[in-house]
Amino acid sequence: MADINQVVLVGRLTRDAELKYTAGGQAVCKFSIAVNRRKKVGDQWEDEVNYFDVVLWGRQGESINQFMQKGKQIGVEGELRQDRWQQDGQNRSKIEIIASNVQLLGGSPGAGQGAGQGGNFTGNNSGGQDQGYSGNRGQPAPAQDDGFTDDIPF
């Protein structure tokens, strides 16, 4: 059986995305997301926050960077990578998500309903091959008539 390394998260950006370039000219977009988890402690429900660092390579990182502001809700699909190094004689490591797909899901907290929807940015976790961009550049999706009335009986 083959090993599987796949992660899908939905969370909010903890800071604005940072776009940098390698010495070879490859774009690297780095950002961090917070993902909440509710757990019961005794009789009370508490929120536990987990933070994850994400890396998106290539033109996708360049394209999405301008829309990635602190508080924006996003979905990330990718794989986990562990970076290992030595610092002051101590072994160190850090796990990052290498994104293969980033989806802009909505506005920042308190922004109007439907603000900033759309935008699907597909990356490549090999760190360099461009798979393209699809989406509507962060613009609100046009309203469509689905044939249902607003009065739903349940």
Protein backbone atom coordinates (compact mmCIF):
# COMPACT_ATOMS: atom_id res chain seq x y z
CA MET A 1 0.00 0.00 0.00
CA ALA A 2 1.29 3.46 -0.89
CA ASP A 3 1.84 6.20 1.66
CA ILE A 4 -0.57 9.14 1.65
CA ASN A 5 0.35 12.71 2.49
CA GLN A 6 -2.70 14.92 1.89
CA VAL A 7 -4.19 17.70 4.01
CA VAL A 8 -7.25 19.92 3.56
CA LEU A 9 -7.85 22.85 5.91
CA VAL A 10 -10.25 25.77 6.11
CA GLY A 11 -9.20 28.68 8.29
CA ARG A 12 -8.41 32.37 8.46
CA LEU A 13 -5.20 34.14 7.57
CA THR A 14 -3.26 35.24 10.65
CA ARG A 15 -1.31 37.86 8.69
CA ASP A 16 -1.03 39.26 5.18
CA ALA A 17 0.68 36.88 2.75
CA GLU A 18 4.36 37.52 1.97
CA LEU A 19 5.60 37.19 -1.61
CA LYS A 20 9.33 36.63 -2.13
CA TYR A 21 11.51 35.28 -4.91
CA THR A 22 14.27 32.68 -4.84
CA ALA A 23 17.70 33.42 -6.30
CA GLY A 24 16.50 31.63 -9.44
CA GLY A 25 13.49 33.94 -9.79
CA GLN A 26 10.85 31.46 -8.54
CA ALA A 27 7.96 33.13 -6.66
CA VAL A 28 7.20 31.90 -3.12
CA CYS A 29 4.05 33.04 -1.34
CA LYS A 30 4.07 32.30 2.40
CA PHE A 31 1.20 32.73 4.82
CA SER A 32 -0.21 31.29 8.01
CA ILE A 33 -3.75 30.18 8.83
CA ALA A 34 -5.58 29.64 12.10
CA VAL A 35 -8.00 26.73 12.33
CA ASN A 36 -10.41 26.57 15.27
CA ARG A 37 -11.51 23.37 16.94
CA ARG A 38 -14.23 23.14 19.56
CA LYS A 39 -13.72 20.70 22.41
CA LYS A 40 -15.68 19.99 25.53
CA VAL A 41 -13.90 20.54 28.84
CA GLY A 42 -16.17 19.45 31.66
CA ASP A 43 -19.53 21.07 30.98
CA GLN A 44 -18.10 23.93 28.88
CA TRP A 45 -17.21 24.08 25.21
CA GLU A 46 -13.88 25.77 24.48
CA ASP A 47 -12.25 26.86 21.23
CA GLU A 48 -8.76 25.58 20.59
CA VAL A 49 -6.77 27.34 17.88
CA ASN A 50 -4.15 25.62 15.74
CA TYR A 51 -1.77 27.57 13.50
CA PHE A 52 -0.30 26.27 10.24
CA ASP A 53 2.34 27.76 7.93
CA VAL A 54 1.58 27.41 4.21
CA VAL A 55 3.78 27.81 1.13
CA LEU A 56 2.44 28.33 -2.40
CA TRP A 57 4.97 28.28 -5.24
CA GLY A 58 5.06 29.89 -8.69
CA ARG A 59 2.70 32.15 -10.55
CA GLN A 60 -0.22 31.02 -8.41
CA GLY A 61 1.48 32.62 -5.41
CA GLU A 62 1.99 35.81 -7.38
CA SER A 63 -1.65 35.86 -8.48
CA ILE A 64 -3.24 35.20 -5.10
CA ASN A 65 -0.89 37.31 -2.97
CA GLN A 66 -2.83 40.55 -3.50
CA PHE A 67 -6.04 38.98 -2.13
CA MET A 68 -4.51 37.40 0.97
CA GLN A 69 -5.13 39.85 3.81
CA LYS A 70 -5.26 39.05 7.51
CA GLY A 71 -8.63 37.66 8.57
CA LYS A 72 -9.65 36.36 5.10
CA GLN A 73 -11.13 32.86 5.18
CA ILE A 74 -9.43 30.41 2.83
CA GLY A 75 -9.33 26.72 2.02
CA VAL A 76 -5.98 25.03 1.50
CA GLU A 77 -5.21 21.64 0.00
CA GLY A 78 -1.69 20.29 -0.11
CA GLU A 79 0.86 18.05 1.52
CA LEU A 80 2.92 18.23 4.69
CA ARG A 81 6.68 18.74 4.47
CA GLN A 82 9.14 18.66 7.33
CA ASP A 83 12.12 21.00 7.14
CA ARG A 84 15.09 19.93 9.31
CA TRP A 85 18.20 21.90 10.26
CA GLN A 86 20.71 22.43 13.04
CA GLN A 87 20.94 25.65 15.03
CA ASP A 88 23.51 26.15 17.78
CA GLY A 89 24.15 22.40 17.84
CA GLN A 90 20.46 21.62 18.35
CA ASN A 91 18.36 19.69 15.86
CA ARG A 92 15.36 21.74 14.76
CA SER A 93 12.39 20.96 12.55
CA LYS A 94 9.30 22.67 11.22
CA ILE A 95 6.29 21.27 9.39
CA GLU A 96 4.77 23.34 6.58
CA ILE A 97 1.90 22.77 4.19
CA ILE A 98 3.01 22.90 0.56
CA ALA A 99 -0.19 24.04 -1.13
CA SER A 100 -1.47 22.53 -4.35
CA ASN A 101 -4.83 24.35 -4.24
CA VAL A 102 -5.91 27.53 -2.44
CA GLN A 103 -9.52 28.71 -2.47
CA LEU A 104 -10.65 32.16 -1.34
CA LEU A 105 -13.82 31.49 0.65
CA GLY A 106 -15.06 34.80 1.96
CA GLY A 107 -14.34 38.18 3.38
CA SER A 108 -12.65 39.03 6.61
CA PRO A 109 -14.71 38.86 9.81
CA GLY A 110 -17.40 41.54 9.79
CA ALA A 111 -17.27 42.11 6.03
CA GLY A 112 -20.65 41.94 4.34
CA GLN A 113 -22.25 38.66 3.35
CA GLY A 114 -20.76 37.34 0.12
CA ALA A 115 -17.83 39.75 0.19
CA GLY A 116 -14.72 38.49 -1.54
CA GLN A 117 -16.07 35.12 -2.64
CA GLY A 118 -14.55 33.02 -5.35
CA GLY A 119 -11.06 32.66 -6.71
CA ASN A 120 -9.55 29.23 -7.04
CA PHE A 121 -5.78 29.18 -7.23
CA THR A 122 -4.16 25.89 -8.08
CA GLY A 123 -0.50 25.43 -7.30
CA ASN A 124 1.95 22.59 -7.71
CA ASN A 125 3.64 21.06 -4.71
CA SER A 126 6.76 20.25 -6.73
CA GLY A 127 7.72 23.90 -6.35
CA GLY A 128 7.80 25.21 -9.84
CA GLN A 129 5.44 23.85 -12.46
CA ASP A 130 2.52 26.15 -13.21
CA GLN A 131 -0.89 24.51 -13.40
CA GLY A 132 -2.75 27.73 -14.08
CA TYR A 133 -5.37 29.91 -12.48
CA SER A 134 -9.10 29.62 -12.50
CA GLY A 135 -11.54 31.82 -10.68
CA ASN A 136 -12.90 35.30 -10.72
CA ARG A 137 -10.05 37.25 -9.16
CA GLY A 138 -11.77 37.64 -5.79
CA GLN A 139 -14.86 39.40 -7.16
CA PRO A 140 -18.27 38.49 -5.71
CA ALA A 141 -19.94 35.68 -7.60
CA PRO A 142 -22.98 36.83 -9.61
CA ALA A 143 -26.31 35.89 -8.06
CA GLN A 144 -28.06 33.05 -9.82
CA ASP A 145 -31.75 32.12 -9.64
CA ASP A 146 -31.87 28.55 -8.38
CA GLY A 147 -35.66 28.31 -8.59
CA PHE A 148 -36.19 28.08 -4.83
CA THR A 149 -38.19 30.55 -2.80
CA ASP A 150 -36.79 32.12 0.33
CA ASP A 151 -39.51 30.52 2.49
CA ILE A 152 -38.06 27.13 3.33
CA PRO A 153 -40.37 25.11 5.62
CA PHE A 154 -37.61 23.50 7.71
